[in-house]
């Protein structure tokens, strides 16, 4: 059966969109374990009242191959110690699926990591398009002083796999405040590299 075309109007200020079929939000308490400074995290929970860190509105026509999911994500500005507010991050459950992010407002980073542990950083501002290729783990980070708002789109059958980050003790690098551009990368002391066998198995399964 042919689907009807639809349209959605994006609110680049508030970070929402019309015509969404779903919405979810992540509060500070949902992000426990992501930050290096546990004491600062607990203090923020008390001081900020378990604030919403980011929320997502999306349009999902289905989960079948050949279609697209699109939506808008809005992330508040803030820090835990020297680390900026960030998303949990994921690789697609079907790891050969790509994703597009299109900056609408604010200043952020897309932190990307290959299964073998290579790190790439893409800066995102208004009117910036970020292409996340297949097989890259990715996480959004708000390094600015206002909301970071981005439009995204990815194949409907992609799915999300959050465990790949959790089982490695986080991503290989942490993004901290400071440095020439207002941010810097440091090694994550808790990071556990994936084995050659695990990397080969992931890549081979979608060859």
C-alpha atoms as a PDB file:
ATOM      1  CA  UNK A   1       0.000   0.000   0.000  1.00  0.00           C
ATOM      2  CA  UNK A   2       1.290   3.443  -0.918  1.00  0.00           C
ATOM      3  CA  UNK A   3       1.928   5.769   2.020  1.00  0.00           C
ATOM      4  CA  UNK A   4       0.715   9.351   1.930  1.00  0.00           C
ATOM      5  CA  UNK A   5       3.340  12.125   1.847  1.00  0.00           C
ATOM      6  CA  UNK A   6       3.598  14.177   5.041  1.00  0.00           C
ATOM      7  CA  UNK A   7       5.269  17.362   6.199  1.00  0.00           C
ATOM      8  CA  UNK A   8       6.565  18.587   9.553  1.00  0.00           C
ATOM      9  CA  UNK A   9       7.381  22.128  10.640  1.00  0.00           C
ATOM     10  CA  UNK A  10      10.522  22.411  12.772  1.00  0.00           C
ATOM     11  CA  UNK A  11      10.727  24.854  15.672  1.00  0.00           C
ATOM     12  CA  UNK A  12      14.443  25.767  15.682  1.00  0.00           C
ATOM     13  CA  UNK A  13      14.054  27.738  18.903  1.00  0.00           C
ATOM     14  CA  UNK A  14      12.073  25.339  21.068  1.00  0.00           C
ATOM     15  CA  UNK A  15      13.363  22.202  19.401  1.00  0.00           C
ATOM     16  CA  UNK A  16      10.086  20.538  18.505  1.00  0.00           C
ATOM     17  CA  UNK A  17       8.256  19.735  15.302  1.00  0.00           C
ATOM     18  CA  UNK A  18       4.707  19.260  14.111  1.00  0.00           C
ATOM     19  CA  UNK A  19       3.370  15.914  12.977  1.00  0.00           C
ATOM     20  CA  UNK A  20       5.508  13.855  15.328  1.00  0.00           C
ATOM     21  CA  UNK A  21       4.340  10.349  16.202  1.00  0.00           C
ATOM     22  CA  UNK A  22       6.517  10.017  19.304  1.00  0.00           C
ATOM     23  CA  UNK A  23       8.430  11.918  21.951  1.00  0.00           C
ATOM     24  CA  UNK A  24      10.824  10.992  24.735  1.00  0.00           C
ATOM     25  CA  UNK A  25      13.160  12.767  27.107  1.00  0.00           C
ATOM     26  CA  UNK A  26      16.265  11.903  29.077  1.00  0.00           C
ATOM     27  CA  UNK A  27      16.762  13.397  32.507  1.00  0.00           C
ATOM     28  CA  UNK A  28      20.012  13.690  34.392  1.00  0.00           C
ATOM     29  CA  UNK A  29      19.217  10.583  36.438  1.00  0.00           C
ATOM     30  CA  UNK A  30      18.996   8.567  33.198  1.00  0.00           C
ATOM     31  CA  UNK A  31      22.634   9.382  32.431  1.00  0.00           C
ATOM     32  CA  UNK A  32      24.261   7.959  35.526  1.00  0.00           C
ATOM     33  CA  UNK A  33      27.640   6.380  34.883  1.00  0.00           C
ATOM     34  CA  UNK A  34      28.447   8.450  31.794  1.00  0.00           C
ATOM     35  CA  UNK A  35      30.533  11.087  33.570  1.00  0.00           C
ATOM     36  CA  UNK A  36      33.965  10.704  35.153  1.00  0.00           C
ATOM     37  CA  UNK A  37      33.223  12.937  38.146  1.00  0.00           C
ATOM     38  CA  UNK A  38      30.676  10.969  40.172  1.00  0.00           C
ATOM     39  CA  UNK A  39      30.567  13.504  42.994  1.00  0.00           C
ATOM     40  CA  UNK A  40      29.803  16.329  40.555  1.00  0.00           C
ATOM     41  CA  UNK A  41      27.040  14.210  39.016  1.00  0.00           C
ATOM     42  CA  UNK A  42      25.396  13.597  42.390  1.00  0.00           C
ATOM     43  CA  UNK A  43      25.677  17.293  43.258  1.00  0.00           C
ATOM     44  CA  UNK A  44      24.042  18.229  39.946  1.00  0.00           C
ATOM     45  CA  UNK A  45      21.164  15.836  40.627  1.00  0.00           C
ATOM     46  CA  UNK A  46      20.480  17.670  43.877  1.00  0.00           C
ATOM     47  CA  UNK A  47      21.153  21.187  42.631  1.00  0.00           C
ATOM     48  CA  UNK A  48      19.332  20.925  39.298  1.00  0.00           C
ATOM     49  CA  UNK A  49      16.402  18.812  40.420  1.00  0.00           C
ATOM     50  CA  UNK A  50      16.899  15.998  37.921  1.00  0.00           C
ATOM     51  CA  UNK A  51      16.603  18.365  34.951  1.00  0.00           C
ATOM     52  CA  UNK A  52      15.806  17.282  31.398  1.00  0.00           C
ATOM     53  CA  UNK A  53      19.115  17.033  29.529  1.00  0.00           C
ATOM     54  CA  UNK A  54      17.691  16.294  26.097  1.00  0.00           C
ATOM     55  CA  UNK A  55      14.400  15.463  24.404  1.00  0.00           C
ATOM     56  CA  UNK A  56      13.488  14.021  21.036  1.00  0.00           C
ATOM     57  CA  UNK A  57      10.402  14.274  18.835  1.00  0.00           C
ATOM     58  CA  UNK A  58      10.247  11.994  15.807  1.00  0.00           C
ATOM     59  CA  UNK A  59       8.091  10.739  12.962  1.00  0.00           C
ATOM     60  CA  UNK A  60       8.196   6.949  12.562  1.00  0.00           C
ATOM     61  CA  UNK A  61       6.311   5.553   9.575  1.00  0.00           C
ATOM     62  CA  UNK A  62       7.379   2.015  10.554  1.00  0.00           C
ATOM     63  CA  UNK A  63      10.428  -0.171  11.067  1.00  0.00           C
ATOM     64  CA  UNK A  64      10.569  -1.757   7.622  1.00  0.00           C
ATOM     65  CA  UNK A  65      13.493  -1.526   5.226  1.00  0.00           C
ATOM     66  CA  UNK A  66      13.404   1.226   2.625  1.00  0.00           C
ATOM     67  CA  UNK A  67      11.797   3.960   4.738  1.00  0.00           C
ATOM     68  CA  UNK A  68      13.089   6.783   6.948  1.00  0.00           C
ATOM     69  CA  UNK A  69      12.633   7.974  10.508  1.00  0.00           C
ATOM     70  CA  UNK A  70      13.197  11.684  11.045  1.00  0.00           C
ATOM     71  CA  UNK A  71      12.910  14.083  13.941  1.00  0.00           C
ATOM     72  CA  UNK A  72      14.346  16.834  16.103  1.00  0.00           C
ATOM     73  CA  UNK A  73      16.560  16.585  19.155  1.00  0.00           C
ATOM     74  CA  UNK A  74      17.022  19.432  21.651  1.00  0.00           C
ATOM     75  CA  UNK A  75      19.781  19.365  24.254  1.00  0.00           C
ATOM     76  CA  UNK A  76      20.153  21.766  27.174  1.00  0.00           C
ATOM     77  CA  UNK A  77      23.473  23.468  27.914  1.00  0.00           C
ATOM     78  CA  UNK A  78      25.285  22.334  31.039  1.00  0.00           C
ATOM     79  CA  UNK A  79      28.272  20.551  32.528  1.00  0.00           C
ATOM     80  CA  UNK A  80      29.077  17.823  34.997  1.00  0.00           C
ATOM     81  CA  UNK A  81      32.492  18.791  36.318  1.00  0.00           C
ATOM     82  CA  UNK A  82      34.543  19.514  33.194  1.00  0.00           C
ATOM     83  CA  UNK A  83      32.316  17.435  30.905  1.00  0.00           C
ATOM     84  CA  UNK A  84      29.513  18.905  28.837  1.00  0.00           C
ATOM     85  CA  UNK A  85      25.961  17.578  28.687  1.00  0.00           C
ATOM     86  CA  UNK A  86      25.839  14.681  26.233  1.00  0.00           C
ATOM     87  CA  UNK A  87      23.627  11.892  24.917  1.00  0.00           C
ATOM     88  CA  UNK A  88      24.061   8.229  25.814  1.00  0.00           C
ATOM     89  CA  UNK A  89      25.340   7.494  22.329  1.00  0.00           C
ATOM     90  CA  UNK A  90      24.841   4.374  20.221  1.00  0.00           C
ATOM     91  CA  UNK A  91      25.704   2.406  17.137  1.00  0.00           C
ATOM     92  CA  UNK A  92      22.852   1.273  14.953  1.00  0.00           C
ATOM     93  CA  UNK A  93      21.642  -2.255  15.686  1.00  0.00           C
ATOM     94  CA  UNK A  94      22.016  -2.794  11.951  1.00  0.00           C
ATOM     95  CA  UNK A  95      25.468  -1.293  12.000  1.00  0.00           C
ATOM     96  CA  UNK A  96      25.699  -0.623   8.268  1.00  0.00           C
ATOM     97  CA  UNK A  97      22.966   2.037   8.469  1.00  0.00           C
ATOM     98  CA  UNK A  98      24.001   5.745   8.237  1.00  0.00           C
ATOM     99  CA  UNK A  99      22.440   8.859   9.768  1.00  0.00           C
ATOM    100  CA  UNK A 100      22.221  12.571   8.966  1.00  0.00           C
ATOM    101  CA  UNK A 101      22.142  15.441  11.496  1.00  0.00           C
ATOM    102  CA  UNK A 102      21.328  19.010  10.446  1.00  0.00           C
ATOM    103  CA  UNK A 103      22.121  21.791  12.918  1.00  0.00           C
ATOM    104  CA  UNK A 104      19.350  24.318  13.601  1.00  0.00           C
ATOM    105  CA  UNK A 105      20.574  26.220  16.658  1.00  0.00           C
ATOM    106  CA  UNK A 106      23.453  26.262  19.115  1.00  0.00           C
ATOM    107  CA  UNK A 107      26.954  24.824  19.066  1.00  0.00           C
ATOM    108  CA  UNK A 108      27.652  21.153  19.521  1.00  0.00           C
ATOM    109  CA  UNK A 109      29.888  18.259  18.649  1.00  0.00           C
ATOM    110  CA  UNK A 110      29.203  14.869  17.152  1.00  0.00           C
ATOM    111  CA  UNK A 111      31.663  12.467  18.755  1.00  0.00           C
ATOM    112  CA  UNK A 112      32.207   9.410  16.577  1.00  0.00           C
ATOM    113  CA  UNK A 113      34.128   6.224  17.287  1.00  0.00           C
ATOM    114  CA  UNK A 114      34.892   3.293  15.021  1.00  0.00           C
ATOM    115  CA  UNK A 115      34.527  -0.229  16.433  1.00  0.00           C
ATOM    116  CA  UNK A 116      38.343  -0.376  16.492  1.00  0.00           C
ATOM    117  CA  UNK A 117      38.509   2.752  18.674  1.00  0.00           C
ATOM    118  CA  UNK A 118      39.321   5.566  16.248  1.00  0.00           C
ATOM    119  CA  UNK A 119      37.823   8.926  17.271  1.00  0.00           C
ATOM    120  CA  UNK A 120      36.446  11.643  15.007  1.00  0.00           C
ATOM    121  CA  UNK A 121      34.846  14.959  16.028  1.00  0.00           C
ATOM    122  CA  UNK A 122      32.460  16.994  13.859  1.00  0.00           C
ATOM    123  CA  UNK A 123      31.476  20.480  15.031  1.00  0.00           C
ATOM    124  CA  UNK A 124      27.814  21.311  14.461  1.00  0.00           C
ATOM    125  CA  UNK A 125      26.315  24.793  14.305  1.00  0.00           C
ATOM    126  CA  UNK A 126      23.204  26.165  12.604  1.00  0.00           C
ATOM    127  CA  UNK A 127      23.060  25.033   8.946  1.00  0.00           C
ATOM    128  CA  UNK A 128      25.759  22.367   9.437  1.00  0.00           C
ATOM    129  CA  UNK A 129      25.004  18.917   8.029  1.00  0.00           C
ATOM    130  CA  UNK A 130      26.809  16.035   9.717  1.00  0.00           C
ATOM    131  CA  UNK A 131      26.931  12.678   7.945  1.00  0.00           C
ATOM    132  CA  UNK A 132      27.417   9.679  10.248  1.00  0.00           C
ATOM    133  CA  UNK A 133      28.647   6.821   8.029  1.00  0.00           C
ATOM    134  CA  UNK A 134      27.762   3.166   8.604  1.00  0.00           C
ATOM    135  CA  UNK A 135      29.544   1.370  11.481  1.00  0.00           C
ATOM    136  CA  UNK A 136      30.336   4.520  13.493  1.00  0.00           C
ATOM    137  CA  UNK A 137      29.286   4.830  17.140  1.00  0.00           C
ATOM    138  CA  UNK A 138      28.045   8.380  17.717  1.00  0.00           C
ATOM    139  CA  UNK A 139      27.102  10.744  20.529  1.00  0.00           C
ATOM    140  CA  UNK A 140      25.939  14.392  20.578  1.00  0.00           C
ATOM    141  CA  UNK A 141      27.506  16.941  22.944  1.00  0.00           C
ATOM    142  CA  UNK A 142      26.347  20.496  23.664  1.00  0.00           C
ATOM    143  CA  UNK A 143      29.431  22.694  24.113  1.00  0.00           C
ATOM    144  CA  UNK A 144      27.550  26.000  23.853  1.00  0.00           C
ATOM    145  CA  UNK A 145      25.651  28.249  26.247  1.00  0.00           C
ATOM    146  CA  UNK A 146      22.205  27.719  24.671  1.00  0.00           C
ATOM    147  CA  UNK A 147      20.093  24.790  23.527  1.00  0.00           C
ATOM    148  CA  UNK A 148      21.547  22.616  20.789  1.00  0.00           C
ATOM    149  CA  UNK A 149      18.823  21.802  18.255  1.00  0.00           C
ATOM    150  CA  UNK A 150      19.335  19.339  15.399  1.00  0.00           C
ATOM    151  CA  UNK A 151      17.172  17.617  12.792  1.00  0.00           C
ATOM    152  CA  UNK A 152      18.061  13.977  12.120  1.00  0.00           C
ATOM    153  CA  UNK A 153      17.096  11.208   9.704  1.00  0.00           C
ATOM    154  CA  UNK A 154      18.055   7.532   9.466  1.00  0.00           C
ATOM    155  CA  UNK A 155      16.717   4.322   7.890  1.00  0.00           C
ATOM    156  CA  UNK A 156      13.633   2.956   9.633  1.00  0.00           C
ATOM    157  CA  UNK A 157      15.127  -0.487  10.252  1.00  0.00           C
ATOM    158  CA  UNK A 158      18.359   0.825  11.856  1.00  0.00           C
ATOM    159  CA  UNK A 159      17.588   0.287  15.525  1.00  0.00           C
ATOM    160  CA  UNK A 160      19.911   1.423  18.328  1.00  0.00           C
ATOM    161  CA  UNK A 161      22.544  -0.529  20.230  1.00  0.00           C
ATOM    162  CA  UNK A 162      23.618   1.239  23.439  1.00  0.00           C
ATOM    163  CA  UNK A 163      25.449  -1.747  24.918  1.00  0.00           C
ATOM    164  CA  UNK A 164      28.494  -1.351  22.668  1.00  0.00           C
ATOM    165  CA  UNK A 165      29.451   1.765  24.671  1.00  0.00           C
ATOM    166  CA  UNK A 166      28.492   0.378  28.066  1.00  0.00           C
ATOM    167  CA  UNK A 167      30.495  -2.837  27.678  1.00  0.00           C
ATOM    168  CA  UNK A 168      33.594  -0.832  26.703  1.00  0.00           C
ATOM    169  CA  UNK A 169      33.425   1.395  29.784  1.00  0.00           C
ATOM    170  CA  UNK A 170      32.359   4.372  27.690  1.00  0.00           C
ATOM    171  CA  UNK A 171      33.820   5.861  24.542  1.00  0.00           C
ATOM    172  CA  UNK A 172      37.591   5.959  24.144  1.00  0.00           C
ATOM    173  CA  UNK A 173      37.833   9.725  24.686  1.00  0.00           C
ATOM    174  CA  UNK A 174      36.060  12.200  26.929  1.00  0.00           C
ATOM    175  CA  UNK A 175      35.282  15.739  25.744  1.00  0.00           C
ATOM    176  CA  UNK A 176      36.217  18.306  28.397  1.00  0.00           C
ATOM    177  CA  UNK A 177      35.927  22.078  28.528  1.00  0.00           C
ATOM    178  CA  UNK A 178      39.038  24.101  27.742  1.00  0.00           C
ATOM    179  CA  UNK A 179      41.467  24.031  24.850  1.00  0.00           C
ATOM    180  CA  UNK A 180      41.831  26.378  21.906  1.00  0.00           C
ATOM    181  CA  UNK A 181      38.246  25.912  20.689  1.00  0.00           C
ATOM    182  CA  UNK A 182      36.609  25.639  24.093  1.00  0.00           C
ATOM    183  CA  UNK A 183      36.870  21.850  24.234  1.00  0.00           C
ATOM    184  CA  UNK A 184      39.553  19.177  24.338  1.00  0.00           C
ATOM    185  CA  UNK A 185      39.839  15.408  24.138  1.00  0.00           C
ATOM    186  CA  UNK A 186      41.326  13.277  26.899  1.00  0.00           C
ATOM    187  CA  UNK A 187      41.679   9.517  27.179  1.00  0.00           C
ATOM    188  CA  UNK A 188      38.907   7.745  29.098  1.00  0.00           C
ATOM    189  CA  UNK A 189      40.662   5.819  31.871  1.00  0.00           C
ATOM    190  CA  UNK A 190      37.761   3.334  32.056  1.00  0.00           C
ATOM    191  CA  UNK A 191      37.838   2.457  28.361  1.00  0.00           C
ATOM    192  CA  UNK A 192      38.231  -1.221  27.444  1.00  0.00           C
ATOM    193  CA  UNK A 193      39.178  -1.772  23.782  1.00  0.00           C
ATOM    194  CA  UNK A 194      37.084  -4.212  21.779  1.00  0.00           C
ATOM    195  CA  UNK A 195      38.869  -7.372  20.732  1.00  0.00           C
ATOM    196  CA  UNK A 196      39.943  -7.911  17.125  1.00  0.00           C
ATOM    197  CA  UNK A 197      37.474 -10.777  17.013  1.00  0.00           C
ATOM    198  CA  UNK A 198      34.589  -8.566  18.150  1.00  0.00           C
ATOM    199  CA  UNK A 199      35.443  -5.866  15.598  1.00  0.00           C
ATOM    200  CA  UNK A 200      35.826  -8.413  12.798  1.00  0.00           C
ATOM    201  CA  UNK A 201      32.537 -10.082  13.717  1.00  0.00           C
ATOM    202  CA  UNK A 202      30.657  -6.774  13.669  1.00  0.00           C
ATOM    203  CA  UNK A 203      32.053  -5.690  10.307  1.00  0.00           C
ATOM    204  CA  UNK A 204      31.772  -9.118   8.705  1.00  0.00           C
ATOM    205  CA  UNK A 205      28.124  -9.568   9.638  1.00  0.00           C
ATOM    206  CA  UNK A 206      27.198  -6.692   7.322  1.00  0.00           C
ATOM    207  CA  UNK A 207      29.801  -7.208   4.584  1.00  0.00           C
END
